Amino acid sequence: MPKAVLYAVIAVLLVGGGVYAYQQHEKEKDTLQIEIGPKGLKVDPPAR
């Protein structure tokens, strides 16, 4: 297998992994956060 093809496959995997990670990060921003601490209950609604 030529080196150029190997580098292209690695680049595609890295870019695809980065896009997937970014999408998961953005999806997690829209979740409801509930924190229980010594000051009581804190609820943060999803930011839109």
C-alpha atoms as a PDB file:
ATOM      1  CA  MET A   1       0.000   0.000   0.000  1.00  0.00           C
ATOM      2  CA  PRO A   2       1.491   3.366  -0.949  1.00  0.00           C
ATOM      3  CA  LYS A   3       2.301   5.787   1.848  1.00  0.00           C
ATOM      4  CA  ALA A   4       0.016   8.443   0.373  1.00  0.00           C
ATOM      5  CA  VAL A   5      -2.993   6.137   0.678  1.00  0.00           C
ATOM      6  CA  LEU A   6      -2.069   5.264   4.255  1.00  0.00           C
ATOM      7  CA  TYR A   7      -1.750   8.962   5.168  1.00  0.00           C
ATOM      8  CA  ALA A   8      -5.095   9.699   3.500  1.00  0.00           C
ATOM      9  CA  VAL A   9      -6.830   6.957   5.516  1.00  0.00           C
ATOM     10  CA  ILE A  10      -5.312   8.262   8.763  1.00  0.00           C
ATOM     11  CA  ALA A  11      -6.387  11.830   7.913  1.00  0.00           C
ATOM     12  CA  VAL A  12      -9.962  10.727   7.172  1.00  0.00           C
ATOM     13  CA  LEU A  13     -10.147   8.840  10.479  1.00  0.00           C
ATOM     14  CA  LEU A  14      -8.817  11.821  12.443  1.00  0.00           C
ATOM     15  CA  VAL A  15     -11.208  14.295  10.816  1.00  0.00           C
ATOM     16  CA  GLY A  16     -14.157  11.922  11.219  1.00  0.00           C
ATOM     17  CA  GLY A  17     -13.323  11.379  14.885  1.00  0.00           C
ATOM     18  CA  GLY A  18     -13.023  15.117  15.455  1.00  0.00           C
ATOM     19  CA  VAL A  19     -16.395  15.813  13.836  1.00  0.00           C
ATOM     20  CA  TYR A  20     -18.051  13.058  15.891  1.00  0.00           C
ATOM     21  CA  ALA A  21     -16.522  14.363  19.130  1.00  0.00           C
ATOM     22  CA  TYR A  22     -17.657  17.920  18.340  1.00  0.00           C
ATOM     23  CA  GLN A  23     -21.223  16.760  17.642  1.00  0.00           C
ATOM     24  CA  GLN A  24     -21.329  14.861  20.930  1.00  0.00           C
ATOM     25  CA  HIS A  25     -20.020  17.932  22.759  1.00  0.00           C
ATOM     26  CA  GLU A  26     -22.712  20.142  21.204  1.00  0.00           C
ATOM     27  CA  LYS A  27     -25.432  17.612  22.018  1.00  0.00           C
ATOM     28  CA  GLU A  28     -24.421  17.524  25.690  1.00  0.00           C
ATOM     29  CA  LYS A  29     -24.821  21.315  25.975  1.00  0.00           C
ATOM     30  CA  ASP A  30     -28.604  20.921  25.615  1.00  0.00           C
ATOM     31  CA  THR A  31     -29.072  18.797  28.722  1.00  0.00           C
ATOM     32  CA  LEU A  32     -30.732  19.716  31.979  1.00  0.00           C
ATOM     33  CA  GLN A  33     -28.267  20.060  34.848  1.00  0.00           C
ATOM     34  CA  ILE A  34     -29.387  19.441  38.404  1.00  0.00           C
ATOM     35  CA  GLU A  35     -26.931  19.992  41.250  1.00  0.00           C
ATOM     36  CA  ILE A  36     -27.550  19.206  44.902  1.00  0.00           C
ATOM     37  CA  GLY A  37     -25.205  20.844  47.373  1.00  0.00           C
ATOM     38  CA  PRO A  38     -25.001  22.390  50.803  1.00  0.00           C
ATOM     39  CA  LYS A  39     -26.904  25.476  49.583  1.00  0.00           C
ATOM     40  CA  GLY A  40     -29.815  23.399  48.293  1.00  0.00           C
ATOM     41  CA  LEU A  41     -30.986  22.415  44.839  1.00  0.00           C
ATOM     42  CA  LYS A  42     -29.822  24.208  41.677  1.00  0.00           C
ATOM     43  CA  VAL A  43     -31.482  23.537  38.306  1.00  0.00           C
ATOM     44  CA  ASP A  44     -29.969  24.872  35.080  1.00  0.00           C
ATOM     45  CA  PRO A  45     -32.315  24.554  32.100  1.00  0.00           C
ATOM     46  CA  PRO A  46     -30.853  23.811  28.675  1.00  0.00           C
ATOM     47  CA  ALA A  47     -29.373  26.850  26.954  1.00  0.00           C
ATOM     48  CA  ARG A  48     -30.908  27.665  23.591  1.00  0.00           C
END
